[in-house]
N, C-alpha and C. Protein backbone atom coordinates (compact mmCIF):
# COMPACT_ATOMS: atom_id res chain seq x y z
N UNK A 1 17.40 4.34 -4.32
CA UNK A 1 16.44 4.44 -3.56
C UNK A 1 14.66 4.21 -3.90
N UNK A 2 14.13 3.67 -2.86
CA UNK A 2 12.49 2.94 -2.99
C UNK A 2 11.89 3.77 -2.11
N UNK A 3 10.51 4.36 -2.78
CA UNK A 3 9.62 4.98 -1.83
C UNK A 3 8.51 3.66 -1.65
N UNK A 4 7.80 3.25 -0.24
CA UNK A 4 7.16 2.25 -0.10
C UNK A 4 6.12 3.08 0.32
N UNK A 5 4.66 3.03 -0.08
CA UNK A 5 3.79 4.12 0.34
C UNK A 5 2.75 3.39 0.55
N UNK A 6 2.16 3.54 2.01
CA UNK A 6 0.90 2.68 2.08
C UNK A 6 -0.04 3.80 2.08
N UNK A 7 -1.15 3.56 1.25
CA UNK A 7 -2.59 4.26 1.38
C UNK A 7 -3.39 4.18 2.83
N UNK A 8 -4.31 5.23 2.76
CA UNK A 8 -4.98 5.14 3.97
C UNK A 8 -5.41 6.43 4.62
N UNK A 9 -6.26 6.66 5.48
CA UNK A 9 -6.98 7.94 5.99
C UNK A 9 -6.15 8.16 7.38
N UNK A 10 -5.98 9.52 7.42
CA UNK A 10 -5.34 9.67 8.72
C UNK A 10 -6.25 9.85 9.81
N UNK A 11 -5.49 9.30 11.24
CA UNK A 11 -6.70 9.62 12.16
C UNK A 11 -7.01 8.71 12.72
N UNK A 12 -7.33 8.62 14.15
CA UNK A 12 -7.81 7.77 14.94
C UNK A 12 -8.63 6.63 14.73
N UNK A 13 -9.63 7.34 13.99
CA UNK A 13 -11.21 6.77 13.99
C UNK A 13 -10.95 6.07 12.78
N UNK A 14 -10.07 6.13 11.58
CA UNK A 14 -9.84 5.40 10.52
C UNK A 14 -9.00 4.21 10.66
N UNK A 15 -8.16 4.20 12.10
CA UNK A 15 -7.10 2.62 12.32
C UNK A 15 -7.75 1.41 12.00
N UNK A 16 -6.92 0.49 11.42
CA UNK A 16 -7.57 -0.65 10.86
C UNK A 16 -8.86 -1.04 10.13
N UNK A 17 -8.86 0.08 9.52
CA UNK A 17 -10.30 0.04 8.78
C UNK A 17 -9.96 -1.01 7.47
N UNK A 18 -10.71 -1.33 6.73
CA UNK A 18 -10.28 -1.70 5.48
C UNK A 18 -9.39 -0.88 4.55
N UNK A 19 -10.37 0.59 4.48
CA UNK A 19 -9.12 1.31 3.41
C UNK A 19 -7.81 1.78 4.09
N UNK A 20 -7.19 1.20 5.51
CA UNK A 20 -6.16 1.78 5.94
C UNK A 20 -5.25 0.44 6.27
N UNK A 21 -5.47 -0.30 5.06
CA UNK A 21 -4.43 -1.77 5.18
C UNK A 21 -3.48 -0.99 4.62
N UNK A 22 -3.30 -0.18 3.71
CA UNK A 22 -1.99 0.11 3.39
C UNK A 22 -0.78 0.82 4.69
N UNK A 23 -1.69 1.61 5.45
CA UNK A 23 -0.93 2.03 6.25
C UNK A 23 -0.38 1.07 7.08
N UNK A 24 -1.51 -0.32 7.45
CA UNK A 24 -1.05 -1.14 8.17
C UNK A 24 0.06 -1.97 7.83
N UNK A 25 0.25 -2.10 6.35
CA UNK A 25 1.64 -2.60 5.82
C UNK A 25 2.58 -1.82 5.92
N UNK A 26 2.42 -0.34 6.13
CA UNK A 26 3.77 0.58 6.33
C UNK A 26 4.05 0.09 8.05
N UNK A 27 3.57 -0.04 8.94
CA UNK A 27 3.50 -0.36 9.87
C UNK A 27 4.17 -1.58 10.37
N UNK A 28 3.71 -2.48 9.88
CA UNK A 28 4.39 -4.08 9.71
C UNK A 28 6.22 -3.52 9.23
N UNK A 29 6.45 -2.87 8.30
CA UNK A 29 7.38 -2.72 7.74
C UNK A 29 8.70 -1.85 9.00
N UNK A 30 7.43 -0.91 9.43
CA UNK A 30 8.08 0.01 10.28
C UNK A 30 8.96 -0.58 11.26
N UNK A 31 8.00 -1.70 11.55
CA UNK A 31 8.27 -2.50 12.82
C UNK A 31 9.69 -3.48 12.54
N UNK A 32 9.34 -4.16 11.29
CA UNK A 32 10.41 -4.86 10.71
C UNK A 32 11.60 -4.69 10.87
N UNK A 33 11.89 -3.27 10.39
CA UNK A 33 13.17 -2.74 9.87
C UNK A 33 13.58 -1.77 10.97
N UNK A 34 13.09 -1.39 12.06
CA UNK A 34 12.60 -0.47 13.51
C UNK A 34 13.30 1.14 12.36
N UNK A 35 12.20 1.47 11.47
CA UNK A 35 12.16 2.55 10.97
C UNK A 35 10.93 3.46 11.34
N UNK A 36 11.08 4.60 12.29
CA UNK A 36 10.57 5.48 12.68
C UNK A 36 9.56 6.08 11.80
N UNK A 37 8.47 6.09 11.84
CA UNK A 37 7.35 7.09 10.54
C UNK A 37 6.99 8.55 11.32
N UNK A 38 7.83 8.91 11.14
CA UNK A 38 7.04 10.18 12.28
C UNK A 38 7.43 11.87 11.59
N UNK A 39 8.22 11.76 10.65
CA UNK A 39 8.63 12.95 10.00
C UNK A 39 7.70 13.38 9.12
N UNK A 40 7.31 14.89 9.84
CA UNK A 40 6.14 15.40 8.82
C UNK A 40 6.88 16.23 7.53
N UNK A 41 6.30 16.09 5.88
CA UNK A 41 6.91 16.31 4.74
C UNK A 41 5.88 16.02 3.80
N UNK A 42 6.04 17.18 2.97
CA UNK A 42 5.19 17.26 1.62
C UNK A 42 3.77 16.29 2.03
N UNK A 43 3.05 16.56 2.97
CA UNK A 43 1.59 15.63 3.60
C UNK A 43 1.66 14.69 3.78
N UNK A 44 2.55 14.25 4.37
CA UNK A 44 3.00 12.62 4.63
C UNK A 44 3.87 12.58 5.78
N UNK A 45 3.38 11.25 6.46
CA UNK A 45 4.53 11.20 7.54
C UNK A 45 5.17 9.70 6.66
N UNK A 46 6.56 10.55 6.83
CA UNK A 46 7.89 9.27 6.26
C UNK A 46 8.76 8.95 7.53
N UNK A 47 9.28 8.15 6.88
CA UNK A 47 10.74 7.61 7.94
C UNK A 47 11.75 6.93 6.83
N UNK A 48 13.27 7.01 6.76
CA UNK A 48 13.97 6.69 6.15
C UNK A 48 14.37 5.34 6.50
N UNK A 49 14.98 4.49 6.07
CA UNK A 49 16.33 3.52 6.28
C UNK A 49 16.49 2.56 5.45
N UNK A 50 16.87 1.36 5.47
CA UNK A 50 17.78 0.46 4.88
C UNK A 50 16.78 -1.00 4.73
N UNK A 51 16.29 -0.92 3.75
CA UNK A 51 15.57 -2.61 3.63
C UNK A 51 16.09 -3.61 2.77
N UNK A 52 16.69 -4.57 2.46
CA UNK A 52 17.66 -5.36 1.73
C UNK A 52 18.81 -5.14 1.39
N UNK A 53 19.22 -4.28 2.04
CA UNK A 53 20.47 -3.22 1.37
C UNK A 53 19.81 -1.87 0.79
N UNK A 54 19.12 -1.58 0.35
CA UNK A 54 18.69 -0.54 -0.24
C UNK A 54 18.31 0.54 0.61
N UNK A 55 18.21 1.73 0.15
CA UNK A 55 17.52 2.88 1.35
C UNK A 55 16.01 2.93 0.85
N UNK A 56 15.29 3.54 1.87
CA UNK A 56 14.33 3.30 1.47
C UNK A 56 13.29 4.76 1.90
N UNK A 57 12.29 5.21 1.57
CA UNK A 57 10.95 5.98 2.41
C UNK A 57 9.95 5.38 2.64
N UNK A 58 9.61 5.09 4.14
CA UNK A 58 8.52 4.88 4.09
C UNK A 58 7.56 6.04 4.03
N UNK A 59 6.12 5.73 3.99
CA UNK A 59 5.18 7.14 3.29
C UNK A 59 3.83 6.49 4.02
N UNK A 60 3.31 7.34 4.79
CA UNK A 60 2.11 7.06 4.70
C UNK A 60 1.25 8.70 4.31
N UNK A 61 0.89 8.62 3.35
CA UNK A 61 0.08 10.09 2.88
C UNK A 61 -0.67 10.49 3.86
N UNK A 62 -0.80 11.74 4.18
CA UNK A 62 -1.80 12.36 5.12
C UNK A 62 -2.84 13.58 4.56
N UNK A 63 -2.95 12.87 3.22
CA UNK A 63 -3.81 13.55 2.28
C UNK A 63 -5.40 13.62 2.24
N UNK A 64 -6.06 11.89 3.25
CA UNK A 64 -6.75 11.31 2.62
C UNK A 64 -6.71 10.74 1.43
N UNK A 65 -7.10 9.31 1.48
CA UNK A 65 -7.03 8.52 0.50
C UNK A 65 -7.27 8.96 -0.80
N UNK A 66 -8.23 9.74 -1.24
CA UNK A 66 -8.57 10.41 -2.64
C UNK A 66 -7.94 11.00 -2.87
N UNK A 67 -6.38 11.80 -2.23
CA UNK A 67 -6.24 12.45 -2.62
C UNK A 67 -4.29 12.00 -2.78
N UNK A 68 -3.96 10.90 -2.23
CA UNK A 68 -2.52 10.20 -2.06
C UNK A 68 -1.86 10.99 -2.88
N UNK A 69 -1.69 10.78 -4.14
CA UNK A 69 -1.11 11.63 -5.37
C UNK A 69 -0.69 13.30 -4.98
N UNK A 70 -1.02 13.81 -4.35
CA UNK A 70 -0.65 15.00 -3.92
C UNK A 70 0.11 14.64 -3.20
N UNK A 71 0.61 13.89 -2.25
CA UNK A 71 1.70 13.20 -1.19
C UNK A 71 2.91 13.10 -2.13
N UNK A 72 2.27 11.78 -2.79
CA UNK A 72 3.33 10.74 -3.50
C UNK A 72 4.32 11.50 -4.42
N UNK A 73 3.39 12.35 -5.67
CA UNK A 73 3.98 12.96 -6.71
C UNK A 73 5.21 14.13 -6.74
N UNK A 74 4.78 14.93 -5.14
CA UNK A 74 6.09 16.20 -4.89
C UNK A 74 7.13 14.92 -4.40
N UNK A 75 6.79 13.88 -3.07
CA UNK A 75 8.08 13.27 -2.75
C UNK A 75 8.84 12.57 -3.62
N UNK A 76 8.20 11.55 -4.73
CA UNK A 76 8.89 11.09 -6.20
C UNK A 76 9.96 12.60 -6.53
N UNK A 77 9.15 13.03 -6.37
CA UNK A 77 10.09 14.45 -7.76
C UNK A 77 10.99 14.99 -6.56
N UNK A 78 11.34 15.15 -5.16
CA UNK A 78 12.15 15.21 -4.47
C UNK A 78 13.15 14.57 -4.50
N UNK A 79 12.81 13.24 -4.12
CA UNK A 79 13.93 12.32 -3.65
C UNK A 79 14.18 12.01 -5.14
N UNK A 80 13.78 12.47 -6.79
CA UNK A 80 14.13 12.09 -7.73
C UNK A 80 14.24 10.32 -7.89
N UNK A 81 12.94 9.64 -7.12
CA UNK A 81 12.26 8.60 -7.76
C UNK A 81 11.64 8.37 -8.72
N UNK A 82 12.12 7.16 -9.66
CA UNK A 82 11.23 6.81 -10.94
C UNK A 82 9.81 6.28 -10.24
N UNK A 83 8.56 6.53 -10.06
CA UNK A 83 7.36 6.08 -9.84
C UNK A 83 7.40 4.53 -11.14
N UNK A 84 7.60 4.32 -12.24
CA UNK A 84 7.80 3.53 -12.37
C UNK A 84 8.70 1.97 -12.23
N UNK A 85 9.68 2.48 -11.01
CA UNK A 85 10.79 1.43 -10.75
C UNK A 85 11.14 1.16 -9.72
N UNK A 86 10.91 2.38 -8.61
CA UNK A 86 11.30 2.66 -7.52
C UNK A 86 9.92 3.23 -6.36
N UNK A 87 8.79 3.35 -6.73
CA UNK A 87 7.69 3.28 -6.24
C UNK A 87 7.07 2.08 -6.06
N UNK A 88 6.82 1.49 -5.10
CA UNK A 88 6.08 0.49 -4.53
C UNK A 88 4.76 1.02 -3.61
N UNK A 89 3.53 0.82 -3.97
CA UNK A 89 2.15 1.42 -3.06
C UNK A 89 1.36 -0.23 -2.67
N UNK A 90 1.59 0.40 -1.41
CA UNK A 90 0.71 -1.06 -1.11
C UNK A 90 -1.18 -0.02 -0.65
N UNK A 91 -1.98 -0.84 -1.42
CA UNK A 91 -3.38 -0.58 -0.74
C UNK A 91 -3.87 -1.35 -0.76
N UNK A 92 -5.82 -1.35 -0.07
CA UNK A 92 -6.47 -2.42 -0.01
C UNK A 92 -7.71 -2.56 -1.29
N UNK A 93 -7.95 -4.00 -1.42
CA UNK A 93 -8.81 -4.50 -2.82
C UNK A 93 -10.05 -5.03 -2.17
N UNK A 94 -11.14 -4.28 -2.92
CA UNK A 94 -12.57 -5.13 -2.48
C UNK A 94 -12.75 -5.86 -3.05
N UNK A 95 -11.72 -6.38 -4.10
CA UNK A 95 -12.23 -7.30 -5.06
C UNK A 95 -12.02 -8.84 -4.61
N UNK A 96 -10.74 -8.67 -3.74
CA UNK A 96 -10.14 -9.91 -3.21
C UNK A 96 -10.63 -9.94 -1.75
N UNK A 97 -11.01 -11.37 -1.53
CA UNK A 97 -11.19 -11.81 -0.36
C UNK A 97 -9.87 -11.67 0.81
N UNK A 98 -10.46 -11.52 1.89
CA UNK A 98 -9.56 -11.21 3.02
C UNK A 98 -8.25 -11.95 3.09
N UNK A 99 -7.11 -11.63 3.32
CA UNK A 99 -5.67 -12.53 2.97
C UNK A 99 -4.86 -12.52 1.82
N UNK A 100 -5.93 -12.32 0.44
CA UNK A 100 -5.35 -12.05 -0.70
C UNK A 100 -4.82 -11.41 -0.92
N UNK A 101 -3.66 -11.68 -1.87
CA UNK A 101 -2.67 -10.63 -2.38
C UNK A 101 -2.70 -10.52 -3.96
N UNK A 102 -2.64 -8.95 -4.63
CA UNK A 102 -2.54 -9.08 -6.17
C UNK A 102 -1.22 -8.16 -6.31
N UNK A 103 -0.22 -8.59 -6.90
CA UNK A 103 1.14 -7.69 -7.16
C UNK A 103 0.74 -7.28 -8.87
N UNK A 104 0.85 -6.32 -8.91
CA UNK A 104 1.29 -5.68 -10.46
C UNK A 104 1.93 -4.98 -10.73
N UNK A 105 2.57 -5.04 -11.77
CA UNK A 105 3.47 -3.68 -12.25
C UNK A 105 2.91 -2.29 -12.90
N UNK A 106 1.90 -2.39 -13.33
CA UNK A 106 1.06 -1.07 -14.06
C UNK A 106 -0.23 -1.83 -13.74
N UNK A 107 -1.08 -0.79 -14.20
CA UNK A 107 -2.46 -0.83 -14.43
C UNK A 107 -3.19 0.07 -14.02
N UNK A 108 -4.63 0.21 -14.30
CA UNK A 108 -5.62 0.84 -14.22
C UNK A 108 -5.90 1.34 -12.47
N UNK A 109 -6.34 2.39 -12.28
CA UNK A 109 -7.05 2.42 -10.77
C UNK A 109 -8.16 1.27 -10.26
N UNK A 110 -8.89 0.46 -11.10
CA UNK A 110 -9.43 -0.48 -10.79
C UNK A 110 -10.66 0.03 -10.11
N UNK A 111 -11.17 1.40 -9.99
CA UNK A 111 -12.24 2.01 -9.07
C UNK A 111 -11.56 2.87 -8.18
N UNK A 112 -10.29 2.00 -7.72
CA UNK A 112 -9.73 2.90 -6.29
C UNK A 112 -9.27 4.40 -6.59
N UNK A 113 -9.74 4.96 -5.75
CA UNK A 113 -9.65 6.57 -5.90
C UNK A 113 -8.00 7.00 -5.10
N UNK A 114 -7.63 6.15 -4.59
CA UNK A 114 -6.06 6.56 -4.29
C UNK A 114 -5.20 6.17 -5.62
N UNK A 115 -5.54 4.90 -5.68
CA UNK A 115 -4.54 4.75 -6.81
C UNK A 115 -5.01 5.84 -8.35
N UNK A 116 -5.91 6.16 -8.49
CA UNK A 116 -6.43 7.05 -9.49
C UNK A 116 -5.46 8.39 -9.08
N UNK A 117 -5.45 8.86 -8.07
CA UNK A 117 -4.47 10.29 -7.57
C UNK A 117 -3.21 10.12 -7.86
N UNK A 118 -2.70 8.60 -7.48
CA UNK A 118 -1.20 8.65 -7.83
C UNK A 118 -1.24 8.51 -9.45
N UNK A 119 -1.86 7.79 -10.03
CA UNK A 119 -1.90 7.93 -11.59
C UNK A 119 -1.04 9.65 -12.01
N UNK A 120 -2.55 10.14 -11.54
CA UNK A 120 -2.82 11.90 -11.95
C UNK A 120 -1.41 12.48 -11.45
N UNK A 121 -0.87 12.43 -10.34
CA UNK A 121 0.47 12.81 -9.94
C UNK A 121 1.86 12.42 -10.49
N UNK A 122 1.62 10.80 -10.40
CA UNK A 122 3.17 10.61 -10.58
C UNK A 122 3.18 10.09 -12.00
N UNK A 123 2.57 10.37 -13.01
CA UNK A 123 3.20 10.73 -14.36
C UNK A 123 2.83 9.31 -15.38
N UNK A 124 1.69 8.57 -14.80
CA UNK A 124 0.89 7.59 -15.31
C UNK A 124 0.71 6.10 -14.52
N UNK A 125 0.32 5.65 -14.99
CA UNK A 125 -0.12 4.07 -15.14
C UNK A 125 1.17 3.12 -14.00
N UNK A 126 2.30 3.29 -14.72
CA UNK A 126 3.51 2.58 -14.04
C UNK A 126 3.95 2.80 -13.15
N UNK A 127 3.62 1.85 -12.14
CA UNK A 127 4.31 2.37 -10.26
C UNK A 127 3.76 0.73 -9.89
N UNK A 128 4.92 0.25 -9.17
CA UNK A 128 4.23 -1.23 -9.09
C UNK A 128 3.09 -1.26 -7.19
N UNK A 129 2.13 -1.73 -7.54
CA UNK A 129 1.43 -2.16 -6.39
C UNK A 129 1.00 -3.35 -5.49
N UNK A 130 0.95 -3.56 -4.75
CA UNK A 130 0.79 -4.68 -3.96
C UNK A 130 -0.46 -4.26 -3.01
N UNK A 131 -1.61 -5.05 -3.75
CA UNK A 131 -3.14 -4.85 -3.43
C UNK A 131 -3.17 -6.05 -1.90
N UNK A 132 -3.59 -5.47 -0.97
CA UNK A 132 -4.35 -6.35 -0.04
C UNK A 132 -6.09 -6.94 -0.21
N UNK A 133 -6.72 -7.86 -0.20
CA UNK A 133 -7.75 -8.22 0.14
C UNK A 133 -8.29 -7.77 1.27
N UNK A 134 -9.52 -7.04 1.50
CA UNK A 134 -9.69 -6.88 2.39
C UNK A 134 -11.38 -7.09 2.79
N UNK A 135 -11.56 -8.41 1.78
CA UNK A 135 -13.07 -8.81 1.66
C UNK A 135 -14.19 -8.13 0.53
N UNK A 136 -14.74 -8.62 -0.10
CA UNK A 136 -15.37 -8.64 -1.09
C UNK A 136 -16.42 -7.28 -1.05
N UNK A 137 -16.61 -6.87 -1.75
CA UNK A 137 -18.07 -5.62 -1.43
C UNK A 137 -19.43 -6.59 -1.52
N UNK A 138 -20.62 -6.63 -0.66
CA UNK A 138 -21.48 -7.77 -0.73
C UNK A 138 -22.00 -7.16 -1.62
N UNK A 139 -22.85 -7.68 -2.31
CA UNK A 139 -23.86 -7.56 -3.50
C UNK A 139 -25.00 -6.22 -2.87
N UNK A 140 -25.14 -5.23 -3.92
CA UNK A 140 -25.82 -4.25 -3.35
C UNK A 140 -25.12 -3.66 -2.46
N UNK A 141 -23.99 -3.49 -1.75
CA UNK A 141 -23.56 -3.19 -0.51
C UNK A 141 -23.23 -1.58 -0.78
N UNK A 142 -22.80 -1.13 0.58
CA UNK A 142 -22.55 0.36 0.16
C UNK A 142 -20.72 0.25 0.62
N UNK A 143 -20.31 0.53 -0.58
CA UNK A 143 -18.94 0.90 -0.86
C UNK A 143 -18.40 1.75 0.17
N UNK A 144 -18.69 2.98 0.82
CA UNK A 144 -17.96 3.78 1.83
C UNK A 144 -17.90 3.00 2.91
N UNK A 145 -19.22 2.49 3.28
CA UNK A 145 -19.51 2.08 4.48
C UNK A 145 -18.49 0.44 4.87
N UNK A 146 -18.20 0.29 3.51
CA UNK A 146 -17.47 -1.16 3.39
C UNK A 146 -16.07 -1.11 3.50
N UNK A 147 -15.39 0.12 2.96
CA UNK A 147 -13.91 0.54 3.39
C UNK A 147 -13.57 1.09 4.17
N UNK A 148 -14.75 1.77 5.09
CA UNK A 148 -14.58 2.65 6.01
C UNK A 148 -14.88 1.82 7.32
N UNK A 149 -15.30 0.44 6.85
CA UNK A 149 -15.38 -0.05 8.47
C UNK A 149 -14.27 -1.40 8.44
N UNK A 150 -14.55 -2.06 9.47
CA UNK A 150 -13.73 -2.99 9.88
C UNK A 150 -13.57 -4.32 9.26
N UNK A 151 -12.80 -5.16 9.40
CA UNK A 151 -13.22 -6.72 8.81
C UNK A 151 -13.53 -7.33 10.32
N UNK A 152 -14.54 -8.42 9.88
CA UNK A 152 -14.67 -9.18 11.00
C UNK A 152 -14.04 -9.57 12.00
N UNK A 153 -14.01 -10.11 13.20
CA UNK A 153 -13.04 -10.36 14.25
C UNK A 153 -12.65 -11.93 13.01
N UNK A 154 -13.75 -12.31 12.93
CA UNK A 154 -12.72 -13.91 12.65
C UNK A 154 -11.63 -13.75 10.92
N UNK A 155 -12.52 -12.71 10.34
CA UNK A 155 -11.55 -12.33 9.07
C UNK A 155 -10.15 -11.84 9.63
N UNK A 156 -9.90 -10.83 10.28
CA UNK A 156 -8.71 -9.80 11.01
C UNK A 156 -7.38 -10.41 10.82
N UNK A 157 -7.42 -12.15 11.04
CA UNK A 157 -6.21 -12.50 11.07
C UNK A 157 -6.00 -13.44 9.66
N UNK A 158 -6.64 -13.51 8.69
CA UNK A 158 -6.32 -13.54 7.11
C UNK A 158 -5.59 -12.41 6.73
N UNK A 159 -6.15 -11.04 7.15
CA UNK A 159 -5.58 -9.84 6.57
C UNK A 159 -4.15 -9.39 7.61
N UNK A 160 -3.64 -10.05 8.68
CA UNK A 160 -2.93 -9.68 9.80
C UNK A 160 -1.65 -10.71 8.85
N UNK A 161 -1.92 -12.07 8.24
CA UNK A 161 -1.26 -12.66 7.76
C UNK A 161 -0.64 -12.11 6.36
N UNK A 162 -1.27 -11.74 5.53
CA UNK A 162 -1.33 -11.02 4.25
C UNK A 162 -0.84 -9.71 4.40
N UNK A 163 -0.90 -8.67 5.44
CA UNK A 163 -0.07 -7.80 5.70
C UNK A 163 1.63 -8.63 5.84
N UNK A 164 1.85 -9.34 6.38
CA UNK A 164 3.26 -9.98 6.60
C UNK A 164 3.92 -10.85 5.10
N UNK A 165 3.18 -10.93 4.18
CA UNK A 165 3.24 -11.77 3.22
C UNK A 165 3.46 -10.49 2.15
N UNK A 166 2.49 -9.50 2.39
CA UNK A 166 3.09 -8.29 1.24
C UNK A 166 4.36 -7.60 1.52
N UNK A 167 4.93 -7.91 3.19
CA UNK A 167 5.82 -7.36 3.02
C UNK A 167 6.96 -7.71 2.80
N UNK A 168 7.01 -9.43 2.98
CA UNK A 168 8.03 -10.60 2.41
C UNK A 168 7.80 -10.26 0.57
N UNK A 169 6.61 -9.86 0.06
CA UNK A 169 6.84 -9.39 -1.39
C UNK A 169 7.61 -8.28 -1.39
N UNK A 170 7.66 -6.86 -0.61
CA UNK A 170 8.12 -6.22 -1.20
C UNK A 170 9.39 -5.83 -0.98
N UNK A 171 9.95 -6.70 0.48
CA UNK A 171 11.53 -7.25 0.05
C UNK A 171 11.89 -8.17 -1.06
N UNK A 172 11.20 -8.82 -1.66
CA UNK A 172 11.61 -9.57 -2.85
C UNK A 172 11.91 -8.73 -4.01
N UNK A 173 10.96 -7.64 -4.28
CA UNK A 173 11.05 -6.73 -5.17
C UNK A 173 11.92 -6.00 -4.99
N UNK A 174 12.39 -5.85 -3.75
CA UNK A 174 13.63 -4.64 -3.71
C UNK A 174 15.01 -5.52 -4.12
N UNK A 175 15.01 -6.65 -3.78
CA UNK A 175 16.05 -7.43 -3.84
C UNK A 175 16.13 -7.36 -5.24
N UNK A 176 15.11 -7.00 -6.17
CA UNK A 176 15.27 -7.42 -7.82
C UNK A 176 14.59 -8.59 -8.33
N UNK A 177 13.64 -9.09 -7.78
CA UNK A 177 13.01 -10.71 -8.24
C UNK A 177 11.13 -10.23 -7.99
N UNK A 178 11.16 -9.22 -9.04
CA UNK A 178 9.63 -8.92 -8.85
C UNK A 178 8.76 -9.73 -9.73
N UNK A 179 9.03 -10.33 -10.77
CA UNK A 179 8.64 -11.77 -11.40
C UNK A 179 8.25 -13.15 -10.28
N UNK A 180 9.60 -12.94 -9.43
CA UNK A 180 9.18 -13.83 -7.92
C UNK A 180 8.58 -13.99 -7.06
N UNK A 181 8.11 -12.49 -6.83
CA UNK A 181 7.10 -12.24 -5.99
C UNK A 181 5.75 -12.09 -6.24
N UNK A 182 5.97 -11.99 -7.90
CA UNK A 182 4.65 -12.04 -8.34
C UNK A 182 4.17 -13.72 -8.59
N UNK A 183 4.62 -14.51 -8.41
CA UNK A 183 4.44 -15.78 -8.80
C UNK A 183 4.23 -16.17 -7.44
N UNK A 184 4.90 -16.06 -6.53
CA UNK A 184 4.85 -16.20 -4.91
C UNK A 184 3.66 -15.85 -4.06
N UNK A 185 3.37 -14.68 -4.58
CA UNK A 185 2.58 -14.11 -3.80
C UNK A 185 0.97 -13.52 -4.32
N UNK A 186 0.92 -14.00 -5.55
CA UNK A 186 -0.63 -13.41 -6.15
C UNK A 186 -0.97 -14.87 -5.97
N UNK A 187 -0.76 -15.95 -5.57
CA UNK A 187 -1.77 -17.04 -5.67
C UNK A 187 -3.00 -16.65 -4.45
N UNK A 188 -4.11 -17.63 -4.22
CA UNK A 188 -4.86 -17.46 -3.78
C UNK A 188 -4.53 -18.43 -2.32
N UNK A 189 -4.97 -17.47 -1.22
CA UNK A 189 -4.64 -18.75 -0.09
C UNK A 189 -5.85 -18.94 0.67
N UNK A 190 -6.99 -18.32 0.31
CA UNK A 190 -7.96 -18.58 0.81
C UNK A 190 -9.39 -18.65 -0.29
C-alpha cells in the first residue's frame, strides 16, 4: 500500500492558495481514479482505492499545514506503511516557478514547515516528495502572504499542468520507476 498525501490547510478560505497545491494534487488523483476523499480518520480526510494495480490511501491532513506530520505519522503506523518507500507527499515549493516540479527521494524540509512536521513524526527525512512550483517569493516579499495567496490568473494554467504532471509522476513511482519519474519530471518547463 502507498499513502499519497497532499499538504494544505483545511477550510474554504484556503482553497486553491499556493500552500494548498498538495490538496489540489490529491483532488486530481481522486478525480482520475474515482476515489472519494471523505473518510475522517487520524486528523485527515482519506480515501482508499487502486492506482497502477496498487492499493493506495489518498490523504488530506486536516491539522493545518505546519502540523501535517501529526496526521501522517499515525496513518503510516496504522496502515503499516514504510515512509521511506511507501509515502509520497505533494507540497508547494516557493523556490520554483509556477509549473515546475521537483521530485526527491529524501532531503531536508528546505524551510517548509509542513515537511518539517512530517520529518519529525515519520521517522526522518527519507520519504518521497513531489514539490510543485507555485511561484518564487519576490525579493523582500512576505512569505505568509505569498503562500496564503492565490497565483495570478495568468500563472494558474501553469500550476494546473503541473498538477497533472505530478500525478503522472506519482503513477510512475507506484509502477516502480522512481528514477524515470525524476528524469522526466524534474526538468524545467518554463
